[in-house]
Amino acid sequence: MESNTKLYYDTNEVAEMVGCEPSALRFWEKKFPQLNPKRDGRNRRRYTERDIEIIRKIMHQRDKQGRTIKGTREQLRRKEEAQLLIQRLVRVRKFLVEIQEKL
């Protein structure tokens, strides 16, 4: 499958993949700080798999859950914070297990 071989996708490819207009992608880029595609030397947007995943989350929240842009932005922010907290807790647990093993 082609999606597994490419590192970056242009705006039109992503719009076709997720079923929206390219202008929607540009709009969401302004509204969601999590969506920040890289730019190439010619200043064209280059989306990664992570960017596409964020776009799909935005679309799901908007279309399936009926959230506003503000609500979707807040929900994505909360999920990011939760993931960071989980990562920190995993590191703390690992540290505590190491200490326990040394005792």
N, C-alpha and C. Protein backbone atom coordinates (compact mmCIF):
# COMPACT_ATOMS: atom_id res chain seq x y z
N MET A 1 0.83 -1.18 0.00
CA MET A 1 0.00 0.00 0.00
C MET A 1 0.88 1.24 0.00
N GLU A 2 0.54 2.21 -0.76
CA GLU A 2 1.38 3.40 -0.94
C GLU A 2 1.52 4.20 0.34
N SER A 3 0.49 4.29 1.19
CA SER A 3 0.54 5.12 2.39
C SER A 3 1.64 4.67 3.34
N ASN A 4 2.06 3.42 3.28
CA ASN A 4 3.11 2.94 4.16
C ASN A 4 4.51 3.25 3.63
N THR A 5 4.63 3.65 2.37
CA THR A 5 5.94 3.86 1.79
C THR A 5 6.36 5.33 1.78
N LYS A 6 5.41 6.24 1.89
CA LYS A 6 5.73 7.66 1.82
C LYS A 6 5.89 8.26 3.21
N LEU A 7 6.84 9.19 3.33
CA LEU A 7 7.01 9.90 4.58
C LEU A 7 6.16 11.15 4.62
N TYR A 8 5.99 11.79 3.46
CA TYR A 8 5.27 13.06 3.39
C TYR A 8 4.25 13.03 2.26
N TYR A 9 3.15 13.73 2.49
CA TYR A 9 2.07 13.82 1.51
C TYR A 9 1.77 15.29 1.26
N ASP A 10 1.40 15.63 0.02
CA ASP A 10 1.04 17.02 -0.24
C ASP A 10 -0.43 17.24 0.11
N THR A 11 -0.84 18.48 0.07
CA THR A 11 -2.19 18.87 0.49
C THR A 11 -3.27 18.15 -0.29
N ASN A 12 -3.13 18.07 -1.60
CA ASN A 12 -4.16 17.42 -2.41
C ASN A 12 -4.28 15.93 -2.11
N GLU A 13 -3.15 15.26 -1.88
CA GLU A 13 -3.17 13.84 -1.54
C GLU A 13 -3.91 13.61 -0.22
N VAL A 14 -3.61 14.44 0.76
CA VAL A 14 -4.23 14.28 2.07
C VAL A 14 -5.72 14.58 1.97
N ALA A 15 -6.08 15.62 1.25
CA ALA A 15 -7.50 15.97 1.09
C ALA A 15 -8.27 14.80 0.47
N GLU A 16 -7.67 14.17 -0.51
CA GLU A 16 -8.32 13.02 -1.15
C GLU A 16 -8.40 11.84 -0.20
N MET A 17 -7.34 11.61 0.58
CA MET A 17 -7.30 10.49 1.52
C MET A 17 -8.40 10.59 2.57
N VAL A 18 -8.60 11.79 3.10
CA VAL A 18 -9.54 11.95 4.21
C VAL A 18 -10.92 12.41 3.76
N GLY A 19 -11.05 12.80 2.50
CA GLY A 19 -12.36 13.18 1.97
C GLY A 19 -12.79 14.58 2.33
N CYS A 20 -11.89 15.53 2.20
CA CYS A 20 -12.25 16.93 2.44
C CYS A 20 -11.57 17.81 1.39
N GLU A 21 -11.86 19.07 1.44
CA GLU A 21 -11.25 20.01 0.51
C GLU A 21 -9.89 20.47 1.03
N PRO A 22 -8.94 20.78 0.14
CA PRO A 22 -7.65 21.30 0.58
C PRO A 22 -7.77 22.57 1.42
N SER A 23 -8.76 23.39 1.11
CA SER A 23 -8.95 24.62 1.88
C SER A 23 -9.30 24.32 3.33
N ALA A 24 -10.01 23.21 3.58
CA ALA A 24 -10.33 22.82 4.95
C ALA A 24 -9.05 22.48 5.72
N LEU A 25 -8.11 21.82 5.06
CA LEU A 25 -6.84 21.49 5.70
C LEU A 25 -6.10 22.76 6.10
N ARG A 26 -6.07 23.72 5.22
CA ARG A 26 -5.39 24.99 5.52
C ARG A 26 -6.09 25.72 6.66
N PHE A 27 -7.42 25.67 6.67
CA PHE A 27 -8.19 26.31 7.73
C PHE A 27 -7.90 25.65 9.07
N TRP A 28 -7.93 24.32 9.11
CA TRP A 28 -7.69 23.60 10.36
C TRP A 28 -6.27 23.83 10.87
N GLU A 29 -5.35 24.02 9.95
CA GLU A 29 -3.96 24.29 10.35
C GLU A 29 -3.90 25.57 11.19
N LYS A 30 -4.74 26.53 10.86
CA LYS A 30 -4.77 27.79 11.61
C LYS A 30 -5.46 27.63 12.95
N LYS A 31 -6.43 26.73 13.03
CA LYS A 31 -7.25 26.59 14.23
C LYS A 31 -6.72 25.59 15.24
N PHE A 32 -5.91 24.64 14.79
CA PHE A 32 -5.44 23.57 15.67
C PHE A 32 -3.91 23.59 15.74
N PRO A 33 -3.35 23.95 16.89
CA PRO A 33 -1.89 23.99 17.00
C PRO A 33 -1.24 22.62 16.84
N GLN A 34 -2.00 21.55 17.08
CA GLN A 34 -1.45 20.21 16.93
C GLN A 34 -1.16 19.89 15.47
N LEU A 35 -1.88 20.54 14.58
CA LEU A 35 -1.71 20.29 13.15
C LEU A 35 -0.72 21.30 12.60
N ASN A 36 0.49 20.83 12.36
CA ASN A 36 1.56 21.72 11.92
C ASN A 36 2.42 21.02 10.88
N PRO A 37 1.93 20.93 9.63
CA PRO A 37 2.71 20.23 8.61
C PRO A 37 4.02 20.96 8.32
N LYS A 38 5.01 20.19 7.96
CA LYS A 38 6.30 20.77 7.58
C LYS A 38 6.16 21.47 6.23
N ARG A 39 7.12 22.31 5.93
CA ARG A 39 7.15 22.99 4.63
C ARG A 39 8.42 22.60 3.91
N ASP A 40 8.31 22.43 2.59
CA ASP A 40 9.50 22.10 1.82
C ASP A 40 10.17 23.39 1.35
N GLY A 41 11.19 23.28 0.53
CA GLY A 41 11.94 24.43 0.04
C GLY A 41 11.11 25.40 -0.77
N ARG A 42 10.03 24.92 -1.35
CA ARG A 42 9.15 25.78 -2.14
C ARG A 42 7.94 26.23 -1.33
N ASN A 43 8.01 26.05 -0.01
CA ASN A 43 6.98 26.47 0.94
C ASN A 43 5.66 25.71 0.78
N ARG A 44 5.72 24.50 0.24
CA ARG A 44 4.53 23.67 0.13
C ARG A 44 4.38 22.84 1.39
N ARG A 45 3.16 22.63 1.81
CA ARG A 45 2.89 21.83 3.00
C ARG A 45 3.21 20.36 2.72
N ARG A 46 3.83 19.72 3.70
CA ARG A 46 4.14 18.30 3.63
C ARG A 46 3.62 17.65 4.90
N TYR A 47 2.57 16.83 4.74
CA TYR A 47 1.91 16.19 5.88
C TYR A 47 2.53 14.83 6.16
N THR A 48 2.66 14.52 7.44
CA THR A 48 3.15 13.21 7.87
C THR A 48 1.95 12.34 8.24
N GLU A 49 2.21 11.07 8.54
CA GLU A 49 1.15 10.18 9.01
C GLU A 49 0.51 10.72 10.29
N ARG A 50 1.33 11.30 11.15
CA ARG A 50 0.81 11.88 12.40
C ARG A 50 -0.15 13.02 12.09
N ASP A 51 0.21 13.88 11.15
CA ASP A 51 -0.67 14.98 10.75
C ASP A 51 -2.00 14.44 10.22
N ILE A 52 -1.93 13.40 9.43
CA ILE A 52 -3.15 12.80 8.86
C ILE A 52 -4.01 12.21 9.97
N GLU A 53 -3.38 11.61 10.96
CA GLU A 53 -4.12 11.07 12.09
C GLU A 53 -4.85 12.19 12.83
N ILE A 54 -4.20 13.31 13.02
CA ILE A 54 -4.83 14.46 13.68
C ILE A 54 -6.01 14.96 12.86
N ILE A 55 -5.83 15.03 11.56
CA ILE A 55 -6.92 15.48 10.67
C ILE A 55 -8.12 14.55 10.80
N ARG A 56 -7.86 13.26 10.84
CA ARG A 56 -8.95 12.29 10.99
C ARG A 56 -9.66 12.46 12.34
N LYS A 57 -8.90 12.74 13.38
CA LYS A 57 -9.51 12.98 14.68
C LYS A 57 -10.38 14.23 14.65
N ILE A 58 -9.89 15.27 14.00
CA ILE A 58 -10.67 16.50 13.87
C ILE A 58 -11.97 16.22 13.15
N MET A 59 -11.89 15.51 12.04
CA MET A 59 -13.08 15.21 11.26
C MET A 59 -14.06 14.34 12.04
N HIS A 60 -13.53 13.37 12.78
CA HIS A 60 -14.40 12.49 13.57
C HIS A 60 -15.14 13.30 14.63
N GLN A 61 -14.41 14.14 15.34
CA GLN A 61 -15.02 14.96 16.39
C GLN A 61 -16.08 15.88 15.81
N ARG A 62 -15.78 16.44 14.67
CA ARG A 62 -16.71 17.39 14.03
C ARG A 62 -17.92 16.67 13.45
N ASP A 63 -17.68 15.63 12.67
CA ASP A 63 -18.76 14.98 11.93
C ASP A 63 -19.55 13.99 12.78
N LYS A 64 -18.88 13.14 13.52
CA LYS A 64 -19.55 12.07 14.25
C LYS A 64 -20.03 12.51 15.63
N GLN A 65 -19.27 13.39 16.27
CA GLN A 65 -19.62 13.79 17.63
C GLN A 65 -20.25 15.18 17.69
N GLY A 66 -20.27 15.88 16.57
CA GLY A 66 -20.94 17.18 16.49
C GLY A 66 -20.28 18.28 17.30
N ARG A 67 -18.99 18.19 17.51
CA ARG A 67 -18.28 19.21 18.29
C ARG A 67 -17.98 20.44 17.43
N THR A 68 -17.88 21.56 18.10
CA THR A 68 -17.45 22.79 17.45
C THR A 68 -15.93 22.76 17.32
N ILE A 69 -15.39 23.73 16.63
CA ILE A 69 -13.92 23.83 16.52
C ILE A 69 -13.32 23.99 17.89
N LYS A 70 -13.91 24.87 18.69
CA LYS A 70 -13.38 25.10 20.05
C LYS A 70 -13.44 23.81 20.87
N GLY A 71 -14.55 23.10 20.81
CA GLY A 71 -14.70 21.85 21.55
C GLY A 71 -13.72 20.78 21.08
N THR A 72 -13.53 20.70 19.77
CA THR A 72 -12.58 19.73 19.21
C THR A 72 -11.16 20.08 19.63
N ARG A 73 -10.81 21.36 19.57
CA ARG A 73 -9.47 21.79 19.98
C ARG A 73 -9.23 21.44 21.45
N GLU A 74 -10.22 21.67 22.30
CA GLU A 74 -10.10 21.36 23.72
C GLU A 74 -9.95 19.86 23.94
N GLN A 75 -10.73 19.08 23.25
CA GLN A 75 -10.67 17.62 23.38
C GLN A 75 -9.29 17.09 22.95
N LEU A 76 -8.77 17.58 21.85
CA LEU A 76 -7.44 17.14 21.40
C LEU A 76 -6.36 17.55 22.40
N ARG A 77 -6.50 18.73 22.97
CA ARG A 77 -5.54 19.20 23.97
C ARG A 77 -5.57 18.30 25.20
N ARG A 78 -6.77 17.94 25.64
CA ARG A 78 -6.90 17.06 26.81
C ARG A 78 -6.28 15.69 26.55
N LYS A 79 -6.50 15.16 25.35
CA LYS A 79 -5.93 13.85 25.02
C LYS A 79 -4.41 13.91 25.01
N GLU A 80 -3.85 14.99 24.48
CA GLU A 80 -2.39 15.14 24.48
C GLU A 80 -1.86 15.20 25.90
N GLU A 81 -2.53 15.98 26.75
CA GLU A 81 -2.10 16.09 28.15
C GLU A 81 -2.18 14.73 28.85
N ALA A 82 -3.23 13.97 28.58
CA ALA A 82 -3.38 12.66 29.19
C ALA A 82 -2.25 11.72 28.74
N GLN A 83 -1.91 11.77 27.46
CA GLN A 83 -0.84 10.92 26.96
C GLN A 83 0.50 11.29 27.59
N LEU A 84 0.75 12.59 27.76
CA LEU A 84 1.99 13.02 28.41
C LEU A 84 2.03 12.56 29.86
N LEU A 85 0.91 12.65 30.54
CA LEU A 85 0.84 12.21 31.93
C LEU A 85 1.11 10.71 32.03
N ILE A 86 0.54 9.95 31.15
CA ILE A 86 0.77 8.50 31.14
C ILE A 86 2.25 8.20 30.92
N GLN A 87 2.89 8.89 29.99
CA GLN A 87 4.32 8.68 29.74
C GLN A 87 5.14 8.99 30.99
N ARG A 88 4.81 10.09 31.67
CA ARG A 88 5.53 10.44 32.90
C ARG A 88 5.33 9.38 33.97
N LEU A 89 4.11 8.91 34.12
CA LEU A 89 3.83 7.89 35.13
C LEU A 89 4.56 6.59 34.83
N VAL A 90 4.67 6.23 33.57
CA VAL A 90 5.42 5.02 33.19
C VAL A 90 6.89 5.18 33.58
N ARG A 91 7.45 6.37 33.33
CA ARG A 91 8.85 6.61 33.71
C ARG A 91 9.04 6.54 35.22
N VAL A 92 8.10 7.13 35.97
CA VAL A 92 8.19 7.10 37.43
C VAL A 92 8.09 5.67 37.94
N ARG A 93 7.18 4.89 37.36
CA ARG A 93 7.03 3.50 37.77
C ARG A 93 8.32 2.72 37.50
N LYS A 94 8.89 2.94 36.34
CA LYS A 94 10.14 2.26 36.00
C LYS A 94 11.23 2.62 37.01
N PHE A 95 11.32 3.89 37.35
CA PHE A 95 12.30 4.35 38.33
C PHE A 95 12.08 3.69 39.68
N LEU A 96 10.81 3.62 40.12
CA LEU A 96 10.50 3.00 41.41
C LEU A 96 10.81 1.51 41.41
N VAL A 97 10.55 0.83 40.31
CA VAL A 97 10.88 -0.59 40.21
C VAL A 97 12.39 -0.78 40.30
N GLU A 98 13.17 0.09 39.66
CA GLU A 98 14.62 0.00 39.76
C GLU A 98 15.10 0.18 41.18
N ILE A 99 14.49 1.13 41.88
CA ILE A 99 14.86 1.36 43.28
C ILE A 99 14.51 0.14 44.13
N GLN A 100 13.33 -0.41 43.89
CA GLN A 100 12.89 -1.58 44.65
C GLN A 100 13.85 -2.75 44.44
N GLU A 101 14.30 -2.94 43.21
CA GLU A 101 15.22 -4.04 42.91
C GLU A 101 16.56 -3.87 43.59
N LYS A 102 16.97 -2.62 43.80
CA LYS A 102 18.26 -2.37 44.45
C LYS A 102 18.18 -2.56 45.96
N LEU A 103 16.97 -2.50 46.51
CA LEU A 103 16.83 -2.67 47.98
C LEU A 103 16.88 -4.09 48.43
